PDB file of N, CA and C in Angstrom:
ATOM      1  N   MET A   1    -177.050-115.491  51.627  1.00  0.00           N
ATOM      2  CA  MET A   1    -177.165-116.530  52.742  1.00  0.00           C
ATOM      3  C   MET A   1    -178.338-116.165  53.479  1.00  0.00           C
ATOM      4  N   ASN A   2    -179.116-117.104  53.543  1.00  0.00           N
ATOM      5  CA  ASN A   2    -180.604-116.665  54.086  1.00  0.00           C
ATOM      6  C   ASN A   2    -180.200-116.460  55.618  1.00  0.00           C
ATOM      7  N   LYS A   3    -181.480-115.273  55.884  1.00  0.00           N
ATOM      8  CA  LYS A   3    -181.268-114.516  57.348  1.00  0.00           C
ATOM      9  C   LYS A   3    -181.201-115.465  58.681  1.00  0.00           C
ATOM     10  N   ARG A   4    -182.266-116.762  58.431  1.00  0.00           N
ATOM     11  CA  ARG A   4    -182.839-117.257  59.388  1.00  0.00           C
ATOM     12  C   ARG A   4    -182.051-118.591  59.377  1.00  0.00           C
ATOM     13  N   ASN A   5    -180.854-119.117  58.342  1.00  0.00           N
ATOM     14  CA  ASN A   5    -180.231-119.695  58.420  1.00  0.00           C
ATOM     15  C   ASN A   5    -178.686-119.241  59.663  1.00  0.00           C
ATOM     16  N   ILE A   6    -178.340-117.848  59.963  1.00  0.00           N
ATOM     17  CA  ILE A   6    -177.694-116.907  60.416  1.00  0.00           C
ATOM     18  C   ILE A   6    -178.192-117.133  61.989  1.00  0.00           C
ATOM     19  N   MET A   7    -179.588-117.238  62.450  1.00  0.00           N
ATOM     20  CA  MET A   7    -180.419-117.061  63.178  1.00  0.00           C
ATOM     21  C   MET A   7    -180.339-118.781  63.995  1.00  0.00           C
ATOM     22  N   TYR A   8    -180.506-119.599  62.989  1.00  0.00           N
ATOM     23  CA  TYR A   8    -180.221-120.897  63.492  1.00  0.00           C
ATOM     24  C   TYR A   8    -178.845-120.874  64.020  1.00  0.00           C
ATOM     25  N   GLY A   9    -177.769-120.846  62.848  1.00  0.00           N
ATOM     26  CA  GLY A   9    -176.990-121.427  63.457  1.00  0.00           C
ATOM     27  C   GLY A   9    -176.128-120.288  64.836  1.00  0.00           C
ATOM     28  N   LEU A  10    -176.853-119.283  64.938  1.00  0.00           N
ATOM     29  CA  LEU A  10    -176.302-118.909  66.252  1.00  0.00           C
ATOM     30  C   LEU A  10    -176.663-119.263  67.705  1.00  0.00           C
ATOM     31  N   ALA A  11    -178.109-119.702  67.503  1.00  0.00           N
ATOM     32  CA  ALA A  11    -179.402-120.009  68.532  1.00  0.00           C
ATOM     33  C   ALA A  11    -178.383-121.542  68.751  1.00  0.00           C
ATOM     34  N   TYR A  12    -177.710-122.463  67.794  1.00  0.00           N
ATOM     35  CA  TYR A  12    -177.275-123.361  67.756  1.00  0.00           C
ATOM     36  C   TYR A  12    -176.127-123.308  68.493  1.00  0.00           C
ATOM     37  N   GLY A  13    -175.331-122.232  67.624  1.00  0.00           N
ATOM     38  CA  GLY A  13    -174.125-122.430  68.922  1.00  0.00           C
ATOM     39  C   GLY A  13    -174.579-121.852  70.249  1.00  0.00           C
ATOM     40  N   ILE A  14    -175.193-121.029  70.687  1.00  0.00           N
ATOM     41  CA  ILE A  14    -174.993-120.043  72.075  1.00  0.00           C
ATOM     42  C   ILE A  14    -175.391-121.950  72.633  1.00  0.00           C
ATOM     43  N   SER A  15    -176.779-121.933  71.987  1.00  0.00           N
ATOM     44  CA  SER A  15    -176.750-123.621  73.285  1.00  0.00           C
ATOM     45  C   SER A  15    -175.775-124.481  73.767  1.00  0.00           C
ATOM     46  N   ILE A  16    -175.215-124.783  72.734  1.00  0.00           N
ATOM     47  CA  ILE A  16    -174.088-126.104  72.526  1.00  0.00           C
ATOM     48  C   ILE A  16    -172.961-125.003  73.143  1.00  0.00           C
ATOM     49  N   GLY A  17    -172.383-124.262  73.163  1.00  0.00           N
ATOM     50  CA  GLY A  17    -171.659-123.072  73.662  1.00  0.00           C
ATOM     51  C   GLY A  17    -172.291-122.969  75.523  1.00  0.00           C
ATOM     52  N   VAL A  18    -172.927-122.985  75.589  1.00  0.00           N
ATOM     53  CA  VAL A  18    -173.827-123.050  77.226  1.00  0.00           C
ATOM     54  C   VAL A  18    -173.519-124.400  78.275  1.00  0.00           C
ATOM     55  N   GLY A  19    -173.308-125.547  76.849  1.00  0.00           N
ATOM     56  CA  GLY A  19    -173.420-126.625  77.669  1.00  0.00           C
ATOM     57  C   GLY A  19    -171.829-126.882  77.953  1.00  0.00           C
ATOM     58  N   VAL A  20    -170.693-126.392  76.996  1.00  0.00           N
ATOM     59  CA  VAL A  20    -169.605-126.345  77.068  1.00  0.00           C
ATOM     60  C   VAL A  20    -169.004-125.698  78.313  1.00  0.00           C
ATOM     61  N   ALA A  21    -169.625-124.779  78.079  1.00  0.00           N
ATOM     62  CA  ALA A  21    -169.176-123.753  78.940  1.00  0.00           C
ATOM     63  C   ALA A  21    -169.153-124.063  80.589  1.00  0.00           C
ATOM     64  N   ILE A  22    -169.913-124.768  80.885  1.00  0.00           N
ATOM     65  CA  ILE A  22    -170.599-125.023  82.215  1.00  0.00           C
ATOM     66  C   ILE A  22    -169.779-126.472  82.719  1.00  0.00           C
ATOM     67  N   THR A  23    -168.955-127.073  81.408  1.00  0.00           N
ATOM     68  CA  THR A  23    -168.645-128.596  81.557  1.00  0.00           C
ATOM     69  C   THR A  23    -166.895-128.028  81.978  1.00  0.00           C
ATOM     70  N   PHE A  24    -166.736-127.230  80.601  1.00  0.00           N
ATOM     71  CA  PHE A  24    -165.087-126.895  81.208  1.00  0.00           C
ATOM     72  C   PHE A  24    -165.327-125.907  82.397  1.00  0.00           C
ATOM     73  N   GLY A  25    -165.896-125.165  82.625  1.00  0.00           N
ATOM     74  CA  GLY A  25    -165.763-124.504  84.199  1.00  0.00           C
ATOM     75  C   GLY A  25    -165.630-125.477  85.230  1.00  0.00           C
ATOM     76  N   VAL A  26    -166.661-126.800  85.018  1.00  0.00           N
ATOM     77  CA  VAL A  26    -166.424-127.255  86.298  1.00  0.00           C
ATOM     78  C   VAL A  26    -165.309-128.187  86.786  1.00  0.00           C
ATOM     79  N   ALA A  27    -165.027-128.589  85.321  1.00  0.00           N
ATOM     80  CA  ALA A  27    -163.517-129.206  84.664  1.00  0.00           C
ATOM     81  C   ALA A  27    -162.308-128.314  85.236  1.00  0.00           C
ATOM     82  N   LEU A  28    -162.550-127.631  84.717  1.00  0.00           N
ATOM     83  CA  LEU A  28    -161.058-126.282  85.059  1.00  0.00           C
ATOM     84  C   LEU A  28    -161.295-125.696  86.129  1.00  0.00           C
ATOM     85  N   GLU A  29    -162.354-125.559  86.807  1.00  0.00           N
ATOM     86  CA  GLU A  29    -162.813-124.724  88.114  1.00  0.00           C
ATOM     87  C   GLU A  29    -162.781-123.196  88.095  1.00  0.00           C
ATOM     88  N   ASN A  30    -163.172-123.042  87.123  1.00  0.00           N
ATOM     89  CA  ASN A  30    -163.034-121.829  86.980  1.00  0.00           C
ATOM     90  C   ASN A  30    -163.732-121.471  85.745  1.00  0.00           C
ATOM     91  N   MET A  31    -164.799-121.031  86.489  1.00  0.00           N
ATOM     92  CA  MET A  31    -166.251-120.533  85.272  1.00  0.00           C
ATOM     93  C   MET A  31    -166.058-119.136  84.249  1.00  0.00           C
ATOM     94  N   ALA A  32    -164.892-118.545  84.378  1.00  0.00           N
ATOM     95  CA  ALA A  32    -165.000-117.346  83.324  1.00  0.00           C
ATOM     96  C   ALA A  32    -164.294-117.567  82.483  1.00  0.00           C
ATOM     97  N   ILE A  33    -162.867-118.656  82.543  1.00  0.00           N
ATOM     98  CA  ILE A  33    -162.392-120.033  81.689  1.00  0.00           C
ATOM     99  C   ILE A  33    -163.360-120.504  80.682  1.00  0.00           C
ATOM    100  N   GLY A  34    -164.374-120.733  80.952  1.00  0.00           N
ATOM    101  CA  GLY A  34    -165.331-122.109  80.896  1.00  0.00           C
ATOM    102  C   GLY A  34    -166.154-121.165  79.754  1.00  0.00           C
ATOM    103  N   ILE A  35    -166.812-120.108  80.058  1.00  0.00           N
ATOM    104  CA  ILE A  35    -167.700-119.413  79.833  1.00  0.00           C
ATOM    105  C   ILE A  35    -167.163-119.158  78.088  1.00  0.00           C
ATOM    106  N   SER A  36    -165.624-118.196  78.641  1.00  0.00           N
ATOM    107  CA  SER A  36    -164.865-117.940  77.266  1.00  0.00           C
ATOM    108  C   SER A  36    -164.671-119.152  75.875  1.00  0.00           C
ATOM    109  N   ILE A  37    -164.609-119.844  76.425  1.00  0.00           N
ATOM    110  CA  ILE A  37    -164.222-121.407  75.437  1.00  0.00           C
ATOM    111  C   ILE A  37    -165.295-121.519  74.967  1.00  0.00           C
ATOM    112  N   GLY A  38    -166.302-122.271  76.118  1.00  0.00           N
ATOM    113  CA  GLY A  38    -167.248-122.406  75.507  1.00  0.00           C
ATOM    114  C   GLY A  38    -168.349-122.077  74.541  1.00  0.00           C
ATOM    115  N   LEU A  39    -168.484-120.654  74.420  1.00  0.00           N
ATOM    116  CA  LEU A  39    -169.195-119.923  74.216  1.00  0.00           C
ATOM    117  C   LEU A  39    -168.839-119.228  72.593  1.00  0.00           C
ATOM    118  N   GLY A  40    -167.056-119.274  72.907  1.00  0.00           N
ATOM    119  CA  GLY A  40    -166.839-118.824  71.813  1.00  0.00           C
ATOM    120  C   GLY A  40    -166.275-120.532  70.603  1.00  0.00           C
ATOM    121  N   SER A  41    -166.408-121.310  71.181  1.00  0.00           N
ATOM    122  CA  SER A  41    -165.927-122.834  69.952  1.00  0.00           C
ATOM    123  C   SER A  41    -167.850-123.042  69.656  1.00  0.00           C
ATOM    124  N   GLY A  42    -168.480-122.930  70.422  1.00  0.00           N
ATOM    125  CA  GLY A  42    -170.203-123.482  70.559  1.00  0.00           C
ATOM    126  C   GLY A  42    -170.613-121.759  68.981  1.00  0.00           C
ATOM    127  N   VAL A  43    -170.492-121.022  69.254  1.00  0.00           N
ATOM    128  CA  VAL A  43    -170.871-119.624  68.358  1.00  0.00           C
ATOM    129  C   VAL A  43    -169.890-120.063  66.961  1.00  0.00           C
ATOM    130  N   SER A  44    -169.145-120.250  67.216  1.00  0.00           N
ATOM    131  CA  SER A  44    -167.771-120.449  65.687  1.00  0.00           C
ATOM    132  C   SER A  44    -168.606-121.925  64.779  1.00  0.00           C
ATOM    133  N   LEU A  45    -168.899-122.760  66.134  1.00  0.00           N
ATOM    134  CA  LEU A  45    -169.462-124.129  65.150  1.00  0.00           C
ATOM    135  C   LEU A  45    -170.801-124.461  64.781  1.00  0.00           C
ATOM    136  N   GLY A  46    -171.557-122.903  65.182  1.00  0.00           N
ATOM    137  CA  GLY A  46    -173.024-122.812  64.719  1.00  0.00           C
ATOM    138  C   GLY A  46    -172.755-122.413  63.624  1.00  0.00           C
ATOM    139  N   VAL A  47    -172.234-121.481  63.317  1.00  0.00           N
ATOM    140  CA  VAL A  47    -172.281-120.200  62.757  1.00  0.00           C
ATOM    141  C   VAL A  47    -171.551-121.086  61.363  1.00  0.00           C
ATOM    142  N   GLY A  48    -170.604-121.518  61.798  1.00  0.00           N
ATOM    143  CA  GLY A  48    -170.314-122.925  60.258  1.00  0.00           C
ATOM    144  C   GLY A  48    -171.206-123.591  59.709  1.00  0.00           C
ATOM    145  N   CYS A  49    -171.572-124.058  60.910  1.00  0.00           N
ATOM    146  CA  CYS A  49    -173.007-125.216  60.345  1.00  0.00           C
ATOM    147  C   CYS A  49    -174.418-124.186  59.848  1.00  0.00           C
ATOM    148  N   SER A  50    -174.122-123.195  59.633  1.00  0.00           N
ATOM    149  CA  SER A  50    -175.114-122.044  58.953  1.00  0.00           C
ATOM    150  C   SER A  50    -174.637-121.770  57.817  1.00  0.00           C
ATOM    151  N   LEU A  51    -173.631-122.201  57.484  1.00  0.00           N
ATOM    152  CA  LEU A  51    -172.765-121.703  56.170  1.00  0.00           C
ATOM    153  C   LEU A  51    -173.285-122.856  55.498  1.00  0.00           C
ATOM    154  N   LEU A  52    -173.197-124.142  56.060  1.00  0.00           N
ATOM    155  CA  LEU A  52    -172.954-125.343  55.606  1.00  0.00           C
ATOM    156  C   LEU A  52    -174.305-125.397  55.082  1.00  0.00           C
ATOM    157  N   LEU A  53    -175.204-125.237  55.772  1.00  0.00           N
ATOM    158  CA  LEU A  53    -176.838-125.374  55.560  1.00  0.00           C
ATOM    159  C   LEU A  53    -177.323-124.632  54.656  1.00  0.00           C
ATOM    160  N   SER A  54    -176.332-123.455  54.264  1.00  0.00           N
ATOM    161  CA  SER A  54    -177.519-122.004  53.516  1.00  0.00           C
ATOM    162  C   SER A  54    -177.154-122.421  52.123  1.00  0.00           C
ATOM    163  N   LYS A  55    -175.157-123.373  51.954  1.00  0.00           N
ATOM    164  CA  LYS A  55    -174.532-123.362  50.977  1.00  0.00           C
ATOM    165  C   LYS A  55    -175.183-124.807  50.436  1.00  0.00           C
ATOM    166  N   ARG A  56    -175.888-125.633  50.937  1.00  0.00           N
ATOM    167  CA  ARG A  56    -176.565-127.410  50.581  1.00  0.00           C
ATOM    168  C   ARG A  56    -178.192-126.644  49.675  1.00  0.00           C
ATOM    169  N   LYS A  57    -178.530-127.361  48.393  1.00  0.00           N
ATOM    170  CA  LYS A  57    -179.200-127.552  47.430  1.00  0.00           C
ATOM    171  C   LYS A  57    -180.615-127.880  47.897  1.00  0.00           C
ATOM    172  N   SER A  58    -181.501-127.197  47.676  1.00  0.00           N
ATOM    173  CA  SER A  58    -182.548-128.147  48.326  1.00  0.00           C
ATOM    174  C   SER A  58    -183.150-129.390  46.998  1.00  0.00           C
ATOM    175  N   CYS A  59    -184.003-129.424  47.803  1.00  0.00           N
ATOM    176  CA  CYS A  59    -184.245-131.130  46.585  1.00  0.00           C
ATOM    177  C   CYS A  59    -185.915-130.293  45.208  1.00  0.00           C
TER     178      CYS A  59
END
């Protein structure tokens, strides 16, 4: 697996996670729960996307 894909996936996941954390934090009126849910799901999604990108064959 390419290190660039891992870093791309983590950056993508953190950026999505911050948005989800703010949304959940406002909706649940508790920023700590929103941050934990948002960053956890965002980083998981980003790592999953980076794994898919690394397994895709180039043209």
